[in-house]
């Protein structure tokens, strides 16, 4: 049974489906690999779906410095409300989502706003 995966901001509870894990064979790579069905065209794995790529870019900009995870379908059983993620970005309103403002990142400000727990984790690298 195939299951979807969800890209989730653990800090905000916002996320969206990446689709199922699918087999991908790239032309210039010998090894078998996998990707997500919502991002790539099954007929041509080099073809990235433009709106999905834009959604991922927008999501990552909005949630920089947040804890981001890729989680399998079924994790809602671990939530208190059974609602997961709490704000689910649907493909049918992606253009509305992309219209939300994203401020230009300021790396120096972002660096000063890194959570202390993240800093402690980084010390172990």
N, C-alpha and C. Protein backbone atom coordinates (compact mmCIF):
# COMPACT_ATOMS: atom_id res chain seq x y z
N UNK A 1 0.83 -1.18 0.00
CA UNK A 1 0.00 0.00 0.00
C UNK A 1 0.88 1.25 0.00
N UNK A 2 0.68 2.11 -1.00
CA UNK A 2 1.44 3.34 -1.09
C UNK A 2 0.85 4.39 -0.16
N UNK A 3 1.73 5.18 0.43
CA UNK A 3 1.28 6.23 1.33
C UNK A 3 1.94 7.54 0.95
N UNK A 4 1.19 8.61 1.16
CA UNK A 4 1.74 9.94 0.92
C UNK A 4 2.70 10.34 2.03
N UNK A 5 3.56 11.27 1.70
CA UNK A 5 4.42 11.94 2.66
C UNK A 5 4.04 13.40 2.69
N UNK A 6 4.24 14.04 3.83
CA UNK A 6 3.88 15.43 4.01
C UNK A 6 5.10 16.22 4.46
N UNK A 7 5.32 17.38 3.83
CA UNK A 7 6.35 18.32 4.27
C UNK A 7 5.68 19.19 5.33
N UNK A 8 6.23 19.22 6.54
CA UNK A 8 5.57 19.86 7.67
C UNK A 8 6.52 20.79 8.40
N UNK A 9 6.00 21.98 8.75
CA UNK A 9 6.70 22.86 9.68
C UNK A 9 6.21 22.46 11.07
N UNK A 10 7.11 21.91 11.86
CA UNK A 10 6.75 21.43 13.19
C UNK A 10 6.44 22.60 14.13
N UNK A 11 6.97 23.78 13.83
CA UNK A 11 6.72 24.95 14.68
C UNK A 11 5.34 25.54 14.45
N UNK A 12 4.87 25.51 13.21
CA UNK A 12 3.60 26.16 12.86
C UNK A 12 2.46 25.18 12.61
N UNK A 13 2.78 23.92 12.38
CA UNK A 13 1.75 22.93 12.07
C UNK A 13 1.23 23.04 10.65
N UNK A 14 1.95 23.75 9.80
CA UNK A 14 1.53 23.91 8.41
C UNK A 14 2.28 22.91 7.55
N UNK A 15 1.62 22.40 6.52
CA UNK A 15 2.29 21.45 5.65
C UNK A 15 1.50 21.16 4.40
N UNK A 16 2.11 20.36 3.53
CA UNK A 16 1.42 19.94 2.32
C UNK A 16 1.98 18.62 1.83
N UNK A 17 1.19 17.97 1.01
CA UNK A 17 1.54 16.64 0.52
C UNK A 17 2.65 16.70 -0.52
N UNK A 18 3.60 15.78 -0.38
CA UNK A 18 4.63 15.58 -1.40
C UNK A 18 4.27 14.41 -2.30
N UNK A 19 3.18 13.75 -1.98
CA UNK A 19 2.75 12.59 -2.75
C UNK A 19 3.41 11.32 -2.25
N UNK A 20 3.30 10.30 -3.06
CA UNK A 20 3.86 8.99 -2.71
C UNK A 20 5.33 8.93 -3.09
N UNK A 21 6.08 8.08 -2.42
CA UNK A 21 7.46 7.82 -2.81
C UNK A 21 7.41 6.94 -4.06
N UNK A 22 8.04 7.42 -5.12
CA UNK A 22 8.01 6.69 -6.39
C UNK A 22 9.41 6.42 -6.89
N UNK A 23 9.55 5.36 -7.66
CA UNK A 23 10.81 5.01 -8.30
C UNK A 23 11.11 6.04 -9.38
N UNK A 24 12.36 6.51 -9.42
CA UNK A 24 12.78 7.46 -10.45
C UNK A 24 14.09 6.97 -11.05
N UNK A 25 14.17 7.00 -12.36
CA UNK A 25 15.40 6.65 -13.07
C UNK A 25 15.84 7.88 -13.85
N UNK A 26 16.90 8.51 -13.38
CA UNK A 26 17.45 9.67 -14.09
C UNK A 26 18.34 9.19 -15.23
N UNK A 27 18.36 9.92 -16.31
CA UNK A 27 19.13 9.53 -17.48
C UNK A 27 20.63 9.42 -17.22
N UNK A 28 21.18 10.33 -16.44
CA UNK A 28 22.62 10.37 -16.25
C UNK A 28 23.10 9.69 -14.96
N UNK A 29 22.19 9.03 -14.25
CA UNK A 29 22.54 8.38 -12.99
C UNK A 29 22.19 6.90 -13.11
N UNK A 30 23.15 6.05 -12.80
CA UNK A 30 22.95 4.61 -12.92
C UNK A 30 22.09 4.04 -11.78
N UNK A 31 22.24 4.59 -10.60
CA UNK A 31 21.58 4.04 -9.42
C UNK A 31 20.07 4.26 -9.46
N UNK A 32 19.37 3.35 -8.84
CA UNK A 32 17.93 3.49 -8.64
C UNK A 32 17.73 4.47 -7.50
N UNK A 33 16.78 5.35 -7.65
CA UNK A 33 16.49 6.30 -6.59
C UNK A 33 14.99 6.51 -6.49
N UNK A 34 14.58 7.25 -5.50
CA UNK A 34 13.18 7.52 -5.27
C UNK A 34 12.97 9.02 -5.11
N UNK A 35 11.79 9.45 -5.41
CA UNK A 35 11.39 10.84 -5.25
C UNK A 35 9.93 10.87 -4.87
N UNK A 36 9.35 12.06 -4.89
CA UNK A 36 7.95 12.22 -4.51
C UNK A 36 7.09 12.53 -5.73
N UNK A 37 5.97 11.86 -5.82
CA UNK A 37 5.11 11.95 -7.00
C UNK A 37 4.53 13.34 -7.24
N UNK A 38 4.35 14.13 -6.20
CA UNK A 38 3.75 15.46 -6.37
C UNK A 38 4.74 16.48 -6.92
N UNK A 39 6.03 16.13 -6.93
CA UNK A 39 7.04 17.08 -7.36
C UNK A 39 7.48 16.84 -8.80
N UNK A 40 7.54 15.61 -9.20
CA UNK A 40 8.11 15.28 -10.50
C UNK A 40 7.07 14.66 -11.43
N UNK A 41 7.30 14.79 -12.69
CA UNK A 41 6.47 14.18 -13.72
C UNK A 41 6.89 12.72 -13.86
N UNK A 42 6.00 11.79 -13.67
CA UNK A 42 6.33 10.37 -13.72
C UNK A 42 6.95 9.96 -15.05
N UNK A 43 6.52 10.58 -16.14
CA UNK A 43 7.04 10.23 -17.46
C UNK A 43 8.44 10.78 -17.69
N UNK A 44 8.77 11.88 -17.04
CA UNK A 44 10.08 12.51 -17.21
C UNK A 44 10.55 13.04 -15.86
N UNK A 45 11.34 12.26 -15.11
CA UNK A 45 11.74 12.67 -13.77
C UNK A 45 12.56 13.95 -13.72
N UNK A 46 13.14 14.35 -14.85
CA UNK A 46 13.87 15.62 -14.88
C UNK A 46 12.92 16.79 -14.93
N UNK A 47 11.66 16.53 -15.23
CA UNK A 47 10.66 17.59 -15.34
C UNK A 47 10.04 17.83 -13.97
N UNK A 48 10.36 18.97 -13.40
CA UNK A 48 9.80 19.34 -12.10
C UNK A 48 8.51 20.12 -12.34
N UNK A 49 7.49 19.81 -11.60
CA UNK A 49 6.23 20.51 -11.74
C UNK A 49 6.38 21.92 -11.17
N UNK A 50 6.23 22.91 -12.04
CA UNK A 50 6.55 24.30 -11.70
C UNK A 50 5.79 24.82 -10.48
N UNK A 51 4.48 24.60 -10.43
CA UNK A 51 3.72 25.12 -9.28
C UNK A 51 4.13 24.44 -7.98
N UNK A 52 4.44 23.15 -8.04
CA UNK A 52 4.86 22.46 -6.82
C UNK A 52 6.24 22.97 -6.37
N UNK A 53 7.13 23.19 -7.33
CA UNK A 53 8.45 23.75 -6.99
C UNK A 53 8.29 25.14 -6.37
N UNK A 54 7.39 25.94 -6.92
CA UNK A 54 7.14 27.27 -6.37
C UNK A 54 6.57 27.17 -4.96
N UNK A 55 5.68 26.20 -4.74
CA UNK A 55 5.10 26.00 -3.41
C UNK A 55 6.17 25.62 -2.39
N UNK A 56 7.08 24.74 -2.78
CA UNK A 56 8.16 24.33 -1.88
C UNK A 56 9.06 25.52 -1.57
N UNK A 57 9.44 26.29 -2.60
CA UNK A 57 10.27 27.47 -2.39
C UNK A 57 9.59 28.43 -1.40
N UNK A 58 8.33 28.71 -1.63
CA UNK A 58 7.58 29.65 -0.79
C UNK A 58 7.50 29.14 0.65
N UNK A 59 7.20 27.87 0.79
CA UNK A 59 7.09 27.24 2.11
C UNK A 59 8.42 27.35 2.86
N UNK A 60 9.52 27.03 2.19
CA UNK A 60 10.83 27.07 2.85
C UNK A 60 11.22 28.50 3.23
N UNK A 61 10.87 29.47 2.42
CA UNK A 61 11.16 30.87 2.77
C UNK A 61 10.32 31.31 3.98
N UNK A 62 9.05 30.95 3.99
CA UNK A 62 8.18 31.34 5.10
C UNK A 62 8.59 30.67 6.41
N UNK A 63 9.16 29.49 6.33
CA UNK A 63 9.44 28.71 7.53
C UNK A 63 10.93 28.54 7.81
N UNK A 64 11.76 29.42 7.25
CA UNK A 64 13.19 29.33 7.54
C UNK A 64 13.38 29.52 9.05
N UNK A 65 14.35 28.85 9.59
CA UNK A 65 14.67 28.78 11.01
C UNK A 65 13.70 27.91 11.80
N UNK A 66 12.68 27.37 11.13
CA UNK A 66 11.74 26.46 11.80
C UNK A 66 12.19 25.02 11.57
N UNK A 67 11.67 24.13 12.40
CA UNK A 67 11.95 22.71 12.23
C UNK A 67 11.03 22.15 11.14
N UNK A 68 11.65 21.67 10.06
CA UNK A 68 10.92 21.13 8.92
C UNK A 68 11.17 19.63 8.87
N UNK A 69 10.10 18.87 8.67
CA UNK A 69 10.23 17.41 8.57
C UNK A 69 9.39 16.88 7.42
N UNK A 70 9.80 15.75 6.90
CA UNK A 70 9.02 14.99 5.93
C UNK A 70 8.52 13.77 6.68
N UNK A 71 7.18 13.68 6.82
CA UNK A 71 6.57 12.63 7.64
C UNK A 71 5.59 11.80 6.83
N UNK A 72 5.49 10.51 7.15
CA UNK A 72 4.58 9.64 6.40
C UNK A 72 3.13 9.80 6.84
N UNK A 73 2.26 9.46 5.91
CA UNK A 73 0.83 9.43 6.21
C UNK A 73 0.62 8.50 7.40
N UNK A 74 -0.25 8.89 8.29
CA UNK A 74 -0.55 8.07 9.47
C UNK A 74 -0.06 8.69 10.76
N UNK A 75 0.82 9.70 10.69
CA UNK A 75 1.33 10.29 11.92
C UNK A 75 0.27 11.06 12.70
N UNK A 76 -0.86 11.33 12.06
CA UNK A 76 -1.93 12.04 12.76
C UNK A 76 -2.41 11.27 13.99
N UNK A 77 -2.15 9.96 14.03
CA UNK A 77 -2.55 9.17 15.20
C UNK A 77 -1.78 9.60 16.45
N UNK A 78 -0.67 10.31 16.28
CA UNK A 78 0.11 10.77 17.41
C UNK A 78 -0.27 12.17 17.87
N UNK A 79 -1.13 12.85 17.13
CA UNK A 79 -1.50 14.21 17.51
C UNK A 79 -2.65 14.17 18.50
N UNK A 80 -2.75 15.21 19.31
CA UNK A 80 -3.83 15.29 20.29
C UNK A 80 -5.19 15.46 19.65
N UNK A 81 -5.23 16.17 18.52
CA UNK A 81 -6.51 16.46 17.88
C UNK A 81 -6.83 15.53 16.72
N UNK A 82 -5.85 14.79 16.25
CA UNK A 82 -6.04 13.96 15.06
C UNK A 82 -6.00 14.78 13.79
N UNK A 83 -5.78 16.08 13.92
CA UNK A 83 -5.72 16.99 12.79
C UNK A 83 -4.26 17.24 12.43
N UNK A 84 -3.84 16.74 11.29
CA UNK A 84 -2.44 16.88 10.93
C UNK A 84 -2.28 17.05 9.44
N UNK A 85 -1.47 17.98 9.01
CA UNK A 85 -1.04 19.14 9.79
C UNK A 85 -2.23 20.04 10.07
N UNK A 86 -2.07 20.97 11.01
CA UNK A 86 -3.22 21.79 11.41
C UNK A 86 -3.64 22.75 10.30
N UNK A 87 -2.71 23.12 9.45
CA UNK A 87 -3.03 23.96 8.30
C UNK A 87 -2.48 23.24 7.07
N UNK A 88 -3.35 22.68 6.27
CA UNK A 88 -2.95 21.85 5.14
C UNK A 88 -3.10 22.64 3.85
N UNK A 89 -1.98 22.88 3.19
CA UNK A 89 -2.00 23.64 1.94
C UNK A 89 -2.43 22.72 0.82
N UNK A 90 -3.56 23.01 0.24
CA UNK A 90 -4.10 22.17 -0.82
C UNK A 90 -3.65 22.68 -2.18
N UNK A 91 -3.47 21.75 -3.10
CA UNK A 91 -3.00 22.10 -4.43
C UNK A 91 -3.99 23.02 -5.14
N UNK A 92 -5.29 22.89 -4.85
CA UNK A 92 -6.28 23.69 -5.57
C UNK A 92 -6.27 25.16 -5.17
N UNK A 93 -5.59 25.52 -4.09
CA UNK A 93 -5.47 26.93 -3.73
C UNK A 93 -4.01 27.38 -3.68
N UNK A 94 -3.16 26.72 -4.45
CA UNK A 94 -1.74 27.02 -4.42
C UNK A 94 -1.44 28.44 -4.89
N UNK A 95 -2.16 28.92 -5.90
CA UNK A 95 -1.91 30.28 -6.39
C UNK A 95 -2.24 31.32 -5.32
N UNK A 96 -3.27 31.06 -4.55
CA UNK A 96 -3.62 31.96 -3.44
C UNK A 96 -2.50 31.92 -2.38
N UNK A 97 -1.99 30.74 -2.10
CA UNK A 97 -0.88 30.60 -1.15
C UNK A 97 0.36 31.34 -1.63
N UNK A 98 0.67 31.19 -2.91
CA UNK A 98 1.86 31.84 -3.46
C UNK A 98 1.74 33.37 -3.47
N UNK A 99 0.52 33.88 -3.37
CA UNK A 99 0.31 35.32 -3.35
C UNK A 99 0.58 35.92 -1.96
N UNK A 100 0.72 35.09 -0.93
CA UNK A 100 1.02 35.62 0.41
C UNK A 100 2.43 36.20 0.42
N UNK A 101 2.60 37.25 1.19
CA UNK A 101 3.88 37.96 1.24
C UNK A 101 4.96 37.14 1.93
N UNK A 102 6.16 37.22 1.37
CA UNK A 102 7.35 36.67 1.99
C UNK A 102 8.38 37.79 1.98
N UNK A 103 8.86 38.15 3.15
CA UNK A 103 9.86 39.20 3.23
C UNK A 103 11.21 38.68 2.76
N UNK A 104 12.02 39.58 2.23
CA UNK A 104 13.37 39.22 1.82
C UNK A 104 14.16 38.78 3.05
N UNK A 105 14.80 37.61 2.97
CA UNK A 105 15.58 37.14 4.11
C UNK A 105 16.76 38.06 4.42
N UNK A 106 17.06 38.17 5.69
CA UNK A 106 18.23 38.91 6.14
C UNK A 106 19.10 37.91 6.91
N UNK A 107 20.13 37.35 6.22
CA UNK A 107 20.93 36.30 6.84
C UNK A 107 21.50 36.66 8.21
N UNK A 108 21.93 37.89 8.41
CA UNK A 108 22.47 38.29 9.71
C UNK A 108 21.40 38.23 10.80
N UNK A 109 20.21 38.69 10.47
CA UNK A 109 19.09 38.65 11.43
C UNK A 109 18.71 37.20 11.70
N UNK A 110 18.61 36.40 10.63
CA UNK A 110 18.28 34.99 10.79
C UNK A 110 19.31 34.28 11.68
N UNK A 111 20.58 34.58 11.46
CA UNK A 111 21.65 33.95 12.24
C UNK A 111 21.49 34.27 13.72
N UNK A 112 21.10 35.50 14.04
CA UNK A 112 20.92 35.90 15.43
C UNK A 112 19.64 35.35 16.05
N UNK A 113 18.75 34.83 15.22
CA UNK A 113 17.48 34.30 15.72
C UNK A 113 17.43 32.78 15.78
N UNK A 114 18.56 32.13 15.61
CA UNK A 114 18.58 30.67 15.69
C UNK A 114 18.28 30.23 17.12
N UNK A 115 17.36 29.31 17.24
CA UNK A 115 16.94 28.77 18.52
C UNK A 115 18.13 28.12 19.25
N UNK A 116 18.21 28.29 20.56
CA UNK A 116 19.31 27.76 21.35
C UNK A 116 19.40 26.23 21.25
N UNK A 117 18.26 25.55 21.15
CA UNK A 117 18.26 24.10 21.00
C UNK A 117 18.95 23.70 19.69
N UNK A 118 18.73 24.47 18.65
CA UNK A 118 19.37 24.19 17.37
C UNK A 118 20.88 24.41 17.49
N UNK A 119 21.27 25.45 18.19
CA UNK A 119 22.70 25.74 18.39
C UNK A 119 23.36 24.57 19.13
N UNK A 120 22.68 24.06 20.16
CA UNK A 120 23.23 22.92 20.91
C UNK A 120 23.37 21.69 20.02
N UNK A 121 22.40 21.46 19.17
CA UNK A 121 22.47 20.34 18.24
C UNK A 121 23.63 20.52 17.26
N UNK A 122 23.79 21.74 16.77
CA UNK A 122 24.86 22.03 15.81
C UNK A 122 26.24 21.77 16.43
N UNK A 123 26.38 21.96 17.71
CA UNK A 123 27.65 21.72 18.38
C UNK A 123 28.09 20.27 18.26
N UNK A 124 27.13 19.38 18.05
CA UNK A 124 27.44 17.95 17.91
C UNK A 124 27.86 17.55 16.51
N UNK A 125 27.79 18.45 15.57
CA UNK A 125 28.16 18.11 14.18
C UNK A 125 29.67 18.13 14.02
